[in-house]
């Protein structure tokens, strides 16, 4: 999977989360979760694009770390929605996607750190 594939994948993830968030009930908890999920899921896509423009390994690691955190937070809110039964929609696909993206970005960060350490020890 290349950068362009991940740009599209993260954007699609954000769109799907925003659509889900729009379907949440207009209650206090529904509004809170809607705002949180909108913020973190769209942050995954926006910050991944910024990661692709990183001008150094250190900047890449910092930016991919933000993406990783936001992706994991998206997982949390999706799981929370499921636990609270805030929607009748199946969340399995989105939960699975957030888990897969989290693993991809965690591995990317590890790889970047390893390359950075190898480069600086030479």
PDB file of N, CA and C in Angstrom:
ATOM      1  N   UNK A   1       0.846  -1.173   0.000  1.00  0.00           N
ATOM      2  CA  UNK A   1       0.000   0.000   0.000  1.00  0.00           C
ATOM      3  C   UNK A   1       0.893   1.238   0.000  1.00  0.00           C
ATOM      4  N   UNK A   2       0.665   2.144  -0.942  1.00  0.00           N
ATOM      5  CA  UNK A   2       1.505   3.344  -1.027  1.00  0.00           C
ATOM      6  C   UNK A   2       0.810   4.551  -0.382  1.00  0.00           C
ATOM      7  N   UNK A   3       1.503   5.676  -0.392  1.00  0.00           N
ATOM      8  CA  UNK A   3       0.985   6.886   0.246  1.00  0.00           C
ATOM      9  C   UNK A   3      -0.359   7.311  -0.316  1.00  0.00           C
ATOM     10  N   UNK A   4      -0.489   7.293  -1.636  1.00  0.00           N
ATOM     11  CA  UNK A   4      -1.758   7.713  -2.248  1.00  0.00           C
ATOM     12  C   UNK A   4      -2.906   6.809  -1.832  1.00  0.00           C
ATOM     13  N   UNK A   5      -2.628   5.503  -1.743  1.00  0.00           N
ATOM     14  CA  UNK A   5      -3.656   4.564  -1.278  1.00  0.00           C
ATOM     15  C   UNK A   5      -4.099   4.910   0.142  1.00  0.00           C
ATOM     16  N   UNK A   6      -3.125   5.233   0.994  1.00  0.00           N
ATOM     17  CA  UNK A   6      -3.461   5.578   2.379  1.00  0.00           C
ATOM     18  C   UNK A   6      -4.145   6.939   2.488  1.00  0.00           C
ATOM     19  N   UNK A   7      -3.796   7.863   1.615  1.00  0.00           N
ATOM     20  CA  UNK A   7      -4.502   9.151   1.598  1.00  0.00           C
ATOM     21  C   UNK A   7      -5.980   8.910   1.295  1.00  0.00           C
ATOM     22  N   UNK A   8      -6.256   8.100   0.308  1.00  0.00           N
ATOM     23  CA  UNK A   8      -7.646   7.782  -0.062  1.00  0.00           C
ATOM     24  C   UNK A   8      -8.327   6.987   1.049  1.00  0.00           C
ATOM     25  N   UNK A   9      -7.614   6.014   1.596  1.00  0.00           N
ATOM     26  CA  UNK A   9      -8.191   5.161   2.635  1.00  0.00           C
ATOM     27  C   UNK A   9      -8.541   5.966   3.889  1.00  0.00           C
ATOM     28  N   UNK A  10      -7.657   6.860   4.303  1.00  0.00           N
ATOM     29  CA  UNK A  10      -7.942   7.658   5.499  1.00  0.00           C
ATOM     30  C   UNK A  10      -9.077   8.649   5.247  1.00  0.00           C
ATOM     31  N   UNK A  11      -9.131   9.181   4.035  1.00  0.00           N
ATOM     32  CA  UNK A  11     -10.223  10.096   3.698  1.00  0.00           C
ATOM     33  C   UNK A  11     -11.556   9.351   3.683  1.00  0.00           C
ATOM     34  N   UNK A  12     -11.575   8.160   3.124  1.00  0.00           N
ATOM     35  CA  UNK A  12     -12.800   7.346   3.118  1.00  0.00           C
ATOM     36  C   UNK A  12     -13.226   6.994   4.540  1.00  0.00           C
ATOM     37  N   UNK A  13     -12.245   6.702   5.395  1.00  0.00           N
ATOM     38  CA  UNK A  13     -12.527   6.420   6.795  1.00  0.00           C
ATOM     39  C   UNK A  13     -13.189   7.636   7.452  1.00  0.00           C
ATOM     40  N   UNK A  14     -12.634   8.812   7.209  1.00  0.00           N
ATOM     41  CA  UNK A  14     -13.204  10.038   7.772  1.00  0.00           C
ATOM     42  C   UNK A  14     -14.637  10.253   7.276  1.00  0.00           C
ATOM     43  N   UNK A  15     -14.863  10.077   5.976  1.00  0.00           N
ATOM     44  CA  UNK A  15     -16.220  10.241   5.431  1.00  0.00           C
ATOM     45  C   UNK A  15     -17.202   9.285   6.098  1.00  0.00           C
ATOM     46  N   UNK A  16     -16.800   8.033   6.244  1.00  0.00           N
ATOM     47  CA  UNK A  16     -17.690   7.036   6.851  1.00  0.00           C
ATOM     48  C   UNK A  16     -17.992   7.381   8.307  1.00  0.00           C
ATOM     49  N   UNK A  17     -16.988   7.849   9.036  1.00  0.00           N
ATOM     50  CA  UNK A  17     -17.197   8.230  10.441  1.00  0.00           C
ATOM     51  C   UNK A  17     -18.103   9.449  10.557  1.00  0.00           C
ATOM     52  N   UNK A  18     -17.928  10.425   9.680  1.00  0.00           N
ATOM     53  CA  UNK A  18     -18.765  11.625   9.702  1.00  0.00           C
ATOM     54  C   UNK A  18     -20.227  11.253   9.418  1.00  0.00           C
ATOM     55  N   UNK A  19     -20.423  10.350   8.473  1.00  0.00           N
ATOM     56  CA  UNK A  19     -21.788   9.910   8.166  1.00  0.00           C
ATOM     57  C   UNK A  19     -22.397   9.175   9.354  1.00  0.00           C
ATOM     58  N   UNK A  20     -21.614   8.330   9.999  1.00  0.00           N
ATOM     59  CA  UNK A  20     -22.096   7.645  11.187  1.00  0.00           C
ATOM     60  C   UNK A  20     -22.427   8.659  12.282  1.00  0.00           C
ATOM     61  N   UNK A  21     -21.527   9.593  12.507  1.00  0.00           N
ATOM     62  CA  UNK A  21     -21.727  10.607  13.550  1.00  0.00           C
ATOM     63  C   UNK A  21     -23.018  11.391  13.313  1.00  0.00           C
ATOM     64  N   UNK A  22     -23.321  11.680  12.061  1.00  0.00           N
ATOM     65  CA  UNK A  22     -24.535  12.432  11.736  1.00  0.00           C
ATOM     66  C   UNK A  22     -25.801  11.654  12.102  1.00  0.00           C
ATOM     67  N   UNK A  23     -25.681  10.342  12.183  1.00  0.00           N
ATOM     68  CA  UNK A  23     -26.850   9.513  12.499  1.00  0.00           C
ATOM     69  C   UNK A  23     -27.051   9.298  13.996  1.00  0.00           C
ATOM     70  N   UNK A  24     -26.142   9.796  14.820  1.00  0.00           N
ATOM     71  CA  UNK A  24     -26.270   9.600  16.263  1.00  0.00           C
ATOM     72  C   UNK A  24     -27.423  10.430  16.812  1.00  0.00           C
ATOM     73  N   UNK A  25     -28.008   9.988  17.908  1.00  0.00           N
ATOM     74  CA  UNK A  25     -29.168  10.700  18.455  1.00  0.00           C
ATOM     75  C   UNK A  25     -28.809  12.109  18.936  1.00  0.00           C
ATOM     76  N   UNK A  26     -29.772  13.023  18.877  1.00  0.00           N
ATOM     77  CA  UNK A  26     -29.525  14.410  19.299  1.00  0.00           C
ATOM     78  C   UNK A  26     -29.632  14.592  20.817  1.00  0.00           C
ATOM     79  N   UNK A  27     -28.993  13.690  21.556  1.00  0.00           N
ATOM     80  CA  UNK A  27     -28.983  13.765  23.021  1.00  0.00           C
ATOM     81  C   UNK A  27     -27.653  14.354  23.474  1.00  0.00           C
ATOM     82  N   UNK A  28     -27.512  14.562  24.754  1.00  0.00           N
ATOM     83  CA  UNK A  28     -26.264  15.095  25.299  1.00  0.00           C
ATOM     84  C   UNK A  28     -25.090  14.183  24.947  1.00  0.00           C
ATOM     85  N   UNK A  29     -25.245  12.894  25.176  1.00  0.00           N
ATOM     86  CA  UNK A  29     -24.155  11.952  24.879  1.00  0.00           C
ATOM     87  C   UNK A  29     -23.963  11.811  23.375  1.00  0.00           C
ATOM     88  N   UNK A  30     -25.058  11.805  22.628  1.00  0.00           N
ATOM     89  CA  UNK A  30     -24.967  11.713  21.171  1.00  0.00           C
ATOM     90  C   UNK A  30     -24.205  12.889  20.592  1.00  0.00           C
ATOM     91  N   UNK A  31     -24.487  14.082  21.080  1.00  0.00           N
ATOM     92  CA  UNK A  31     -23.789  15.281  20.604  1.00  0.00           C
ATOM     93  C   UNK A  31     -22.313  15.249  20.970  1.00  0.00           C
ATOM     94  N   UNK A  32     -22.018  14.828  22.186  1.00  0.00           N
ATOM     95  CA  UNK A  32     -20.621  14.766  22.627  1.00  0.00           C
ATOM     96  C   UNK A  32     -19.829  13.775  21.768  1.00  0.00           C
ATOM     97  N   UNK A  33     -20.365  12.586  21.613  1.00  0.00           N
ATOM     98  CA  UNK A  33     -19.672  11.550  20.848  1.00  0.00           C
ATOM     99  C   UNK A  33     -19.565  11.960  19.383  1.00  0.00           C
ATOM    100  N   UNK A  34     -20.613  12.568  18.841  1.00  0.00           N
ATOM    101  CA  UNK A  34     -20.586  13.045  17.452  1.00  0.00           C
ATOM    102  C   UNK A  34     -19.412  13.998  17.237  1.00  0.00           C
ATOM    103  N   UNK A  35     -19.271  14.969  18.122  1.00  0.00           N
ATOM    104  CA  UNK A  35     -18.185  15.943  17.996  1.00  0.00           C
ATOM    105  C   UNK A  35     -16.813  15.286  18.134  1.00  0.00           C
ATOM    106  N   UNK A  36     -16.677  14.390  19.080  1.00  0.00           N
ATOM    107  CA  UNK A  36     -15.396  13.715  19.300  1.00  0.00           C
ATOM    108  C   UNK A  36     -15.010  12.851  18.094  1.00  0.00           C
ATOM    109  N   UNK A  37     -15.960  12.065  17.594  1.00  0.00           N
ATOM    110  CA  UNK A  37     -15.678  11.192  16.455  1.00  0.00           C
ATOM    111  C   UNK A  37     -15.387  12.013  15.205  1.00  0.00           C
ATOM    112  N   UNK A  38     -16.140  13.079  14.984  1.00  0.00           N
ATOM    113  CA  UNK A  38     -15.866  13.941  13.827  1.00  0.00           C
ATOM    114  C   UNK A  38     -14.455  14.508  13.897  1.00  0.00           C
ATOM    115  N   UNK A  39     -14.068  14.990  15.073  1.00  0.00           N
ATOM    116  CA  UNK A  39     -12.762  15.615  15.246  1.00  0.00           C
ATOM    117  C   UNK A  39     -11.626  14.618  15.008  1.00  0.00           C
ATOM    118  N   UNK A  40     -11.670  13.475  15.682  1.00  0.00           N
ATOM    119  CA  UNK A  40     -10.523  12.565  15.577  1.00  0.00           C
ATOM    120  C   UNK A  40     -10.467  11.834  14.237  1.00  0.00           C
ATOM    121  N   UNK A  41     -11.604  11.451  13.684  1.00  0.00           N
ATOM    122  CA  UNK A  41     -11.567  10.705  12.418  1.00  0.00           C
ATOM    123  C   UNK A  41     -11.122  11.592  11.250  1.00  0.00           C
ATOM    124  N   UNK A  42     -11.563  12.847  11.239  1.00  0.00           N
ATOM    125  CA  UNK A  42     -11.105  13.737  10.169  1.00  0.00           C
ATOM    126  C   UNK A  42      -9.650  14.132  10.383  1.00  0.00           C
ATOM    127  N   UNK A  43      -9.213  14.146  11.632  1.00  0.00           N
ATOM    128  CA  UNK A  43      -7.817  14.431  11.944  1.00  0.00           C
ATOM    129  C   UNK A  43      -6.898  13.347  11.404  1.00  0.00           C
ATOM    130  N   UNK A  44      -7.360  12.109  11.396  1.00  0.00           N
ATOM    131  CA  UNK A  44      -6.567  11.010  10.833  1.00  0.00           C
ATOM    132  C   UNK A  44      -6.219  11.335   9.387  1.00  0.00           C
ATOM    133  N   UNK A  45      -7.221  11.691   8.610  1.00  0.00           N
ATOM    134  CA  UNK A  45      -7.014  11.967   7.183  1.00  0.00           C
ATOM    135  C   UNK A  45      -6.176  13.225   6.958  1.00  0.00           C
ATOM    136  N   UNK A  46      -6.515  14.291   7.662  1.00  0.00           N
ATOM    137  CA  UNK A  46      -5.801  15.560   7.466  1.00  0.00           C
ATOM    138  C   UNK A  46      -4.343  15.449   7.902  1.00  0.00           C
ATOM    139  N   UNK A  47      -4.106  14.826   9.038  1.00  0.00           N
ATOM    140  CA  UNK A  47      -2.733  14.720   9.525  1.00  0.00           C
ATOM    141  C   UNK A  47      -1.905  13.703   8.742  1.00  0.00           C
ATOM    142  N   UNK A  48      -2.561  12.690   8.172  1.00  0.00           N
ATOM    143  CA  UNK A  48      -1.792  11.781   7.319  1.00  0.00           C
ATOM    144  C   UNK A  48      -1.287  12.524   6.083  1.00  0.00           C
ATOM    145  N   UNK A  49      -2.123  13.385   5.508  1.00  0.00           N
ATOM    146  CA  UNK A  49      -1.674  14.195   4.368  1.00  0.00           C
ATOM    147  C   UNK A  49      -0.476  15.045   4.767  1.00  0.00           C
ATOM    148  N   UNK A  50      -0.517  15.623   5.959  1.00  0.00           N
ATOM    149  CA  UNK A  50       0.604  16.436   6.446  1.00  0.00           C
ATOM    150  C   UNK A  50       1.849  15.571   6.640  1.00  0.00           C
ATOM    151  N   UNK A  51       1.653  14.350   7.088  1.00  0.00           N
ATOM    152  CA  UNK A  51       2.773  13.422   7.268  1.00  0.00           C
ATOM    153  C   UNK A  51       3.492  13.184   5.946  1.00  0.00           C
ATOM    154  N   UNK A  52       2.731  13.093   4.886  1.00  0.00           N
ATOM    155  CA  UNK A  52       3.319  12.847   3.563  1.00  0.00           C
ATOM    156  C   UNK A  52       4.197  14.008   3.099  1.00  0.00           C
ATOM    157  N   UNK A  53       4.036  15.165   3.708  1.00  0.00           N
ATOM    158  CA  UNK A  53       4.831  16.343   3.344  1.00  0.00           C
ATOM    159  C   UNK A  53       5.947  16.633   4.345  1.00  0.00           C
ATOM    160  N   UNK A  54       6.145  15.735   5.292  1.00  0.00           N
ATOM    161  CA  UNK A  54       7.170  15.952   6.325  1.00  0.00           C
ATOM    162  C   UNK A  54       8.534  16.184   5.671  1.00  0.00           C
ATOM    163  N   UNK A  55       9.269  17.158   6.201  1.00  0.00           N
ATOM    164  CA  UNK A  55      10.547  17.549   5.604  1.00  0.00           C
ATOM    165  C   UNK A  55      11.749  16.873   6.241  1.00  0.00           C
ATOM    166  N   UNK A  56      11.512  16.063   7.272  1.00  0.00           N
ATOM    167  CA  UNK A  56      12.603  15.326   7.908  1.00  0.00           C
ATOM    168  C   UNK A  56      12.033  14.072   8.549  1.00  0.00           C
ATOM    169  N   UNK A  57      12.924  13.157   8.930  1.00  0.00           N
ATOM    170  CA  UNK A  57      12.485  11.939   9.625  1.00  0.00           C
ATOM    171  C   UNK A  57      11.832  12.300  10.953  1.00  0.00           C
ATOM    172  N   UNK A  58      12.423  13.265  11.667  1.00  0.00           N
ATOM    173  CA  UNK A  58      11.865  13.680  12.958  1.00  0.00           C
ATOM    174  C   UNK A  58      10.451  14.241  12.780  1.00  0.00           C
ATOM    175  N   UNK A  59      10.255  15.048  11.759  1.00  0.00           N
ATOM    176  CA  UNK A  59       8.931  15.605  11.490  1.00  0.00           C
ATOM    177  C   UNK A  59       7.954  14.490  11.115  1.00  0.00           C
ATOM    178  N   UNK A  60       8.421  13.526  10.331  1.00  0.00           N
ATOM    179  CA  UNK A  60       7.578  12.394   9.956  1.00  0.00           C
ATOM    180  C   UNK A  60       7.137  11.631  11.194  1.00  0.00           C
ATOM    181  N   UNK A  61       8.085  11.330  12.070  1.00  0.00           N
ATOM    182  CA  UNK A  61       7.758  10.566  13.279  1.00  0.00           C
ATOM    183  C   UNK A  61       6.762  11.342  14.138  1.00  0.00           C
ATOM    184  N   UNK A  62       6.963  12.633  14.282  1.00  0.00           N
ATOM    185  CA  UNK A  62       6.044  13.446  15.076  1.00  0.00           C
ATOM    186  C   UNK A  62       4.643  13.452  14.468  1.00  0.00           C
ATOM    187  N   UNK A  63       4.562  13.629  13.167  1.00  0.00           N
ATOM    188  CA  UNK A  63       3.266  13.708  12.501  1.00  0.00           C
ATOM    189  C   UNK A  63       2.564  12.348  12.463  1.00  0.00           C
ATOM    190  N   UNK A  64       3.312  11.271  12.216  1.00  0.00           N
ATOM    191  CA  UNK A  64       2.687   9.947  12.170  1.00  0.00           C
ATOM    192  C   UNK A  64       2.219   9.545  13.565  1.00  0.00           C
ATOM    193  N   UNK A  65       2.883  10.073  14.586  1.00  0.00           N
ATOM    194  CA  UNK A  65       2.448   9.813  15.963  1.00  0.00           C
ATOM    195  C   UNK A  65       1.087  10.437  16.228  1.00  0.00           C
ATOM    196  N   UNK A  66       0.855  11.625  15.691  1.00  0.00           N
ATOM    197  CA  UNK A  66      -0.460  12.272  15.819  1.00  0.00           C
ATOM    198  C   UNK A  66      -1.517  11.442  15.099  1.00  0.00           C
ATOM    199  N   UNK A  67      -1.204  10.997  13.899  1.00  0.00           N
ATOM    200  CA  UNK A  67      -2.135  10.172  13.130  1.00  0.00           C
ATOM    201  C   UNK A  67      -2.484   8.910  13.919  1.00  0.00           C
ATOM    202  N   UNK A  68      -1.473   8.282  14.479  1.00  0.00           N
ATOM    203  CA  UNK A  68      -1.675   7.061  15.258  1.00  0.00           C
ATOM    204  C   UNK A  68      -2.591   7.320  16.458  1.00  0.00           C
ATOM    205  N   UNK A  69      -2.333   8.384  17.189  1.00  0.00           N
ATOM    206  CA  UNK A  69      -3.166   8.725  18.349  1.00  0.00           C
ATOM    207  C   UNK A  69      -4.612   8.995  17.950  1.00  0.00           C
ATOM    208  N   UNK A  70      -4.810   9.730  16.880  1.00  0.00           N
ATOM    209  CA  UNK A  70      -6.163  10.071  16.431  1.00  0.00           C
ATOM    210  C   UNK A  70      -6.904   8.841  15.911  1.00  0.00           C
ATOM    211  N   UNK A  71      -6.176   7.948  15.285  1.00  0.00           N
ATOM    212  CA  UNK A  71      -6.780   6.716  14.780  1.00  0.00           C
ATOM    213  C   UNK A  71      -7.217   5.827  15.955  1.00  0.00           C
ATOM    214  N   UNK A  72      -6.364   5.737  16.958  1.00  0.00           N
ATOM    215  CA  UNK A  72      -6.711   4.954  18.148  1.00  0.00           C
ATOM    216  C   UNK A  72      -7.891   5.591  18.884  1.00  0.00           C
ATOM    217  N   UNK A  73      -7.937   6.915  18.923  1.00  0.00           N
ATOM    218  CA  UNK A  73      -9.076   7.595  19.552  1.00  0.00           C
ATOM    219  C   UNK A  73     -10.364   7.329  18.767  1.00  0.00           C
ATOM    220  N   UNK A  74     -10.260   7.295  17.448  1.00  0.00           N
ATOM    221  CA  UNK A  74     -11.431   6.964  16.625  1.00  0.00           C
ATOM    222  C   UNK A  74     -11.942   5.576  16.992  1.00  0.00           C
ATOM    223  N   UNK A  75     -11.017   4.639  17.153  1.00  0.00           N
ATOM    224  CA  UNK A  75     -11.384   3.280  17.567  1.00  0.00           C
ATOM    225  C   UNK A  75     -12.155   3.337  18.886  1.00  0.00           C
ATOM    226  N   UNK A  76     -11.622   4.113  19.844  1.00  0.00           N
ATOM    227  CA  UNK A  76     -12.282   4.227  21.143  1.00  0.00           C
ATOM    228  C   UNK A  76     -13.718   4.704  20.994  1.00  0.00           C
ATOM    229  N   UNK A  77     -13.938   5.788  20.238  1.00  0.00           N
ATOM    230  CA  UNK A  77     -15.283   6.344  20.113  1.00  0.00           C
ATOM    231  C   UNK A  77     -16.218   5.411  19.365  1.00  0.00           C
ATOM    232  N   UNK A  78     -15.715   4.720  18.363  1.00  0.00           N
ATOM    233  CA  UNK A  78     -16.548   3.741  17.652  1.00  0.00           C
ATOM    234  C   UNK A  78     -16.968   2.617  18.598  1.00  0.00           C
ATOM    235  N   UNK A  79     -16.030   2.133  19.385  1.00  0.00           N
ATOM    236  CA  UNK A  79     -16.312   1.083  20.357  1.00  0.00           C
ATOM    237  C   UNK A  79     -17.285   1.594  21.425  1.00  0.00           C
ATOM    238  N   UNK A  80     -17.136   2.841  21.832  1.00  0.00           N
ATOM    239  CA  UNK A  80     -18.025   3.460  22.814  1.00  0.00           C
ATOM    240  C   UNK A  80     -19.452   3.540  22.271  1.00  0.00           C
ATOM    241  N   UNK A  81     -19.576   3.946  21.012  1.00  0.00           N
ATOM    242  CA  UNK A  81     -20.898   4.012  20.370  1.00  0.00           C
ATOM    243  C   UNK A  81     -21.552   2.636  20.400  1.00  0.00           C
ATOM    244  N   UNK A  82     -20.770   1.621  20.101  1.00  0.00           N
ATOM    245  CA  UNK A  82     -21.283   0.250  20.105  1.00  0.00           C
ATOM    246  C   UNK A  82     -21.703  -0.158  21.518  1.00  0.00           C
ATOM    247  N   UNK A  83     -20.841   0.123  22.505  1.00  0.00           N
ATOM    248  CA  UNK A  83     -21.152  -0.226  23.896  1.00  0.00           C
ATOM    249  C   UNK A  83     -22.424   0.453  24.395  1.00  0.00           C
ATOM    250  N   UNK A  84     -22.619   1.700  24.000  1.00  0.00           N
ATOM    251  CA  UNK A  84     -23.778   2.490  24.454  1.00  0.00           C
ATOM    252  C   UNK A  84     -25.020   2.291  23.577  1.00  0.00           C
ATOM    253  N   UNK A  85     -24.884   1.485  22.529  1.00  0.00           N
ATOM    254  CA  UNK A  85     -26.017   1.250  21.611  1.00  0.00           C
ATOM    255  C   UNK A  85     -26.614   2.551  21.087  1.00  0.00           C
ATOM    256  N   UNK A  86     -25.722   3.443  20.638  1.00  0.00           N
ATOM    257  CA  UNK A  86     -26.168   4.755  20.150  1.00  0.00           C
ATOM    258  C   UNK A  86     -26.629   4.722  18.700  1.00  0.00           C
ATOM    259  N   UNK A  87     -26.473   3.586  18.044  1.00  0.00           N
ATOM    260  CA  UNK A  87     -26.912   3.455  16.655  1.00  0.00           C
ATOM    261  C   UNK A  87     -27.331   2.019  16.394  1.00  0.00           C
ATOM    262  N   UNK A  88     -28.194   1.865  15.403  1.00  0.00           N
ATOM    263  CA  UNK A  88     -28.594   0.525  14.964  1.00  0.00           C
ATOM    264  C   UNK A  88     -27.672   0.017  13.860  1.00  0.00           C
ATOM    265  N   UNK A  89     -26.822   0.920  13.348  1.00  0.00           N
ATOM    266  CA  UNK A  89     -25.910   0.545  12.270  1.00  0.00           C
ATOM    267  C   UNK A  89     -24.839  -0.410  12.781  1.00  0.00           C
ATOM    268  N   UNK A  90     -24.387  -1.301  11.904  1.00  0.00           N
ATOM    269  CA  UNK A  90     -23.275  -2.179  12.251  1.00  0.00           C
ATOM    270  C   UNK A  90     -21.983  -1.366  12.240  1.00  0.00           C
ATOM    271  N   UNK A  91     -21.206  -1.494  13.286  1.00  0.00           N
ATOM    272  CA  UNK A  91     -19.962  -0.745  13.410  1.00  0.00           C
ATOM    273  C   UNK A  91     -18.737  -1.608  13.140  1.00  0.00           C
ATOM    274  N   UNK A  92     -18.946  -2.871  12.878  1.00  0.00           N
ATOM    275  CA  UNK A  92     -17.822  -3.800  12.735  1.00  0.00           C
ATOM    276  C   UNK A  92     -16.839  -3.381  11.656  1.00  0.00           C
ATOM    277  N   UNK A  93     -17.330  -2.931  10.515  1.00  0.00           N
ATOM    278  CA  UNK A  93     -16.444  -2.537   9.417  1.00  0.00           C
ATOM    279  C   UNK A  93     -15.589  -1.331   9.805  1.00  0.00           C
ATOM    280  N   UNK A  94     -16.198  -0.323  10.421  1.00  0.00           N
ATOM    281  CA  UNK A  94     -15.450   0.872  10.825  1.00  0.00           C
ATOM    282  C   UNK A  94     -14.481   0.574  11.967  1.00  0.00           C
ATOM    283  N   UNK A  95     -14.910  -0.243  12.916  1.00  0.00           N
ATOM    284  CA  UNK A  95     -14.014  -0.623  14.009  1.00  0.00           C
ATOM    285  C   UNK A  95     -12.829  -1.396  13.458  1.00  0.00           C
ATOM    286  N   UNK A  96     -13.078  -2.298  12.543  1.00  0.00           N
ATOM    287  CA  UNK A  96     -12.007  -3.066  11.922  1.00  0.00           C
ATOM    288  C   UNK A  96     -11.059  -2.149  11.145  1.00  0.00           C
ATOM    289  N   UNK A  97     -11.615  -1.197  10.408  1.00  0.00           N
ATOM    290  CA  UNK A  97     -10.786  -0.271   9.638  1.00  0.00           C
ATOM    291  C   UNK A  97      -9.919   0.583  10.561  1.00  0.00           C
ATOM    292  N   UNK A  98     -10.490   1.076  11.653  1.00  0.00           N
ATOM    293  CA  UNK A  98      -9.682   1.880  12.577  1.00  0.00           C
ATOM    294  C   UNK A  98      -8.580   1.033  13.206  1.00  0.00           C
ATOM    295  N   UNK A  99      -8.867  -0.220  13.486  1.00  0.00           N
ATOM    296  CA  UNK A  99      -7.848  -1.122  14.035  1.00  0.00           C
ATOM    297  C   UNK A  99      -6.735  -1.375  13.014  1.00  0.00           C
ATOM    298  N   UNK A 100      -7.111  -1.637  11.768  1.00  0.00           N
ATOM    299  CA  UNK A 100      -6.108  -1.870  10.718  1.00  0.00           C
ATOM    300  C   UNK A 100      -5.251  -0.625  10.479  1.00  0.00           C
ATOM    301  N   UNK A 101      -5.886   0.534  10.407  1.00  0.00           N
ATOM    302  CA  UNK A 101      -5.131   1.775  10.202  1.00  0.00           C
ATOM    303  C   UNK A 101      -4.187   2.038  11.370  1.00  0.00           C
ATOM    304  N   UNK A 102      -4.654   1.783  12.583  1.00  0.00           N
ATOM    305  CA  UNK A 102      -3.796   1.952  13.763  1.00  0.00           C
ATOM    306  C   UNK A 102      -2.554   1.074  13.647  1.00  0.00           C
ATOM    307  N   UNK A 103      -2.740  -0.160  13.239  1.00  0.00           N
ATOM    308  CA  UNK A 103      -1.597  -1.077  13.078  1.00  0.00           C
ATOM    309  C   UNK A 103      -0.643  -0.604  11.978  1.00  0.00           C
ATOM    310  N   UNK A 104      -1.187  -0.119  10.887  1.00  0.00           N
ATOM    311  CA  UNK A 104      -0.355   0.385   9.786  1.00  0.00           C
ATOM    312  C   UNK A 104       0.485   1.563  10.260  1.00  0.00           C
ATOM    313  N   UNK A 105      -0.151   2.516  10.941  1.00  0.00           N
ATOM    314  CA  UNK A 105       0.577   3.716  11.371  1.00  0.00           C
ATOM    315  C   UNK A 105       1.550   3.419  12.509  1.00  0.00           C
ATOM    316  N   UNK A 106       1.221   2.476  13.359  1.00  0.00           N
ATOM    317  CA  UNK A 106       2.156   2.074  14.410  1.00  0.00           C
ATOM    318  C   UNK A 106       3.409   1.455  13.783  1.00  0.00           C
ATOM    319  N   UNK A 107       3.201   0.609  12.791  1.00  0.00           N
ATOM    320  CA  UNK A 107       4.340  -0.028  12.107  1.00  0.00           C
ATOM    321  C   UNK A 107       5.156   1.016  11.352  1.00  0.00           C
ATOM    322  N   UNK A 108       4.489   1.972  10.718  1.00  0.00           N
ATOM    323  CA  UNK A 108       5.205   3.041  10.007  1.00  0.00           C
ATOM    324  C   UNK A 108       6.084   3.834  10.952  1.00  0.00           C
ATOM    325  N   UNK A 109       5.553   4.129  12.128  1.00  0.00           N
ATOM    326  CA  UNK A 109       6.339   4.887  13.108  1.00  0.00           C
ATOM    327  C   UNK A 109       7.545   4.078  13.588  1.00  0.00           C
ATOM    328  N   UNK A 110       7.332   2.806  13.866  1.00  0.00           N
ATOM    329  CA  UNK A 110       8.438   1.941  14.303  1.00  0.00           C
ATOM    330  C   UNK A 110       9.516   1.885  13.222  1.00  0.00           C
ATOM    331  N   UNK A 111       9.106   1.694  11.984  1.00  0.00           N
ATOM    332  CA  UNK A 111      10.050   1.631  10.872  1.00  0.00           C
ATOM    333  C   UNK A 111      10.827   2.931  10.737  1.00  0.00           C
ATOM    334  N   UNK A 112      10.131   4.054  10.840  1.00  0.00           N
ATOM    335  CA  UNK A 112      10.797   5.353  10.715  1.00  0.00           C
ATOM    336  C   UNK A 112      11.794   5.564  11.850  1.00  0.00           C
ATOM    337  N   UNK A 113      11.435   5.163  13.051  1.00  0.00           N
ATOM    338  CA  UNK A 113      12.338   5.308  14.193  1.00  0.00           C
ATOM    339  C   UNK A 113      13.560   4.414  14.021  1.00  0.00           C
ATOM    340  N   UNK A 114      13.334   3.191  13.564  1.00  0.00           N
ATOM    341  CA  UNK A 114      14.458   2.271  13.344  1.00  0.00           C
ATOM    342  C   UNK A 114      15.405   2.805  12.284  1.00  0.00           C
ATOM    343  N   UNK A 115      14.862   3.344  11.203  1.00  0.00           N
ATOM    344  CA  UNK A 115      15.700   3.911  10.145  1.00  0.00           C
ATOM    345  C   UNK A 115      16.455   5.130  10.651  1.00  0.00           C
ATOM    346  N   UNK A 116      15.790   5.936  11.470  1.00  0.00           N
ATOM    347  CA  UNK A 116      16.421   7.131  12.031  1.00  0.00           C
ATOM    348  C   UNK A 116      17.586   6.732  12.934  1.00  0.00           C
ATOM    349  N   UNK A 117      17.388   5.716  13.757  1.00  0.00           N
ATOM    350  CA  UNK A 117      18.429   5.259  14.669  1.00  0.00           C
ATOM    351  C   UNK A 117      19.596   4.640  13.894  1.00  0.00           C
ATOM    352  N   UNK A 118      19.280   3.875  12.839  1.00  0.00           N
ATOM    353  CA  UNK A 118      20.316   3.264  12.015  1.00  0.00           C
ATOM    354  C   UNK A 118      21.134   4.329  11.309  1.00  0.00           C
ATOM    355  N   UNK A 119      20.462   5.350  10.791  1.00  0.00           N
ATOM    356  CA  UNK A 119      21.128   6.434  10.080  1.00  0.00           C
ATOM    357  C   UNK A 119      22.028   7.230  11.026  1.00  0.00           C
ATOM    358  N   UNK A 120      21.550   7.533  12.207  1.00  0.00           N
ATOM    359  CA  UNK A 120      22.337   8.353  13.133  1.00  0.00           C
ATOM    360  C   UNK A 120      23.476   7.579  13.800  1.00  0.00           C
ATOM    361  N   UNK A 121      23.421   6.240  13.794  1.00  0.00           N
ATOM    362  CA  UNK A 121      24.517   5.470  14.393  1.00  0.00           C
ATOM    363  C   UNK A 121      25.639   5.191  13.397  1.00  0.00           C
ATOM    364  N   UNK A 122      25.424   5.499  12.145  1.00  0.00           N
ATOM    365  CA  UNK A 122      26.474   5.280  11.111  1.00  0.00           C
ATOM    366  C   UNK A 122      27.441   6.413  11.028  1.00  0.00           C
TER     367      UNK A 122
END
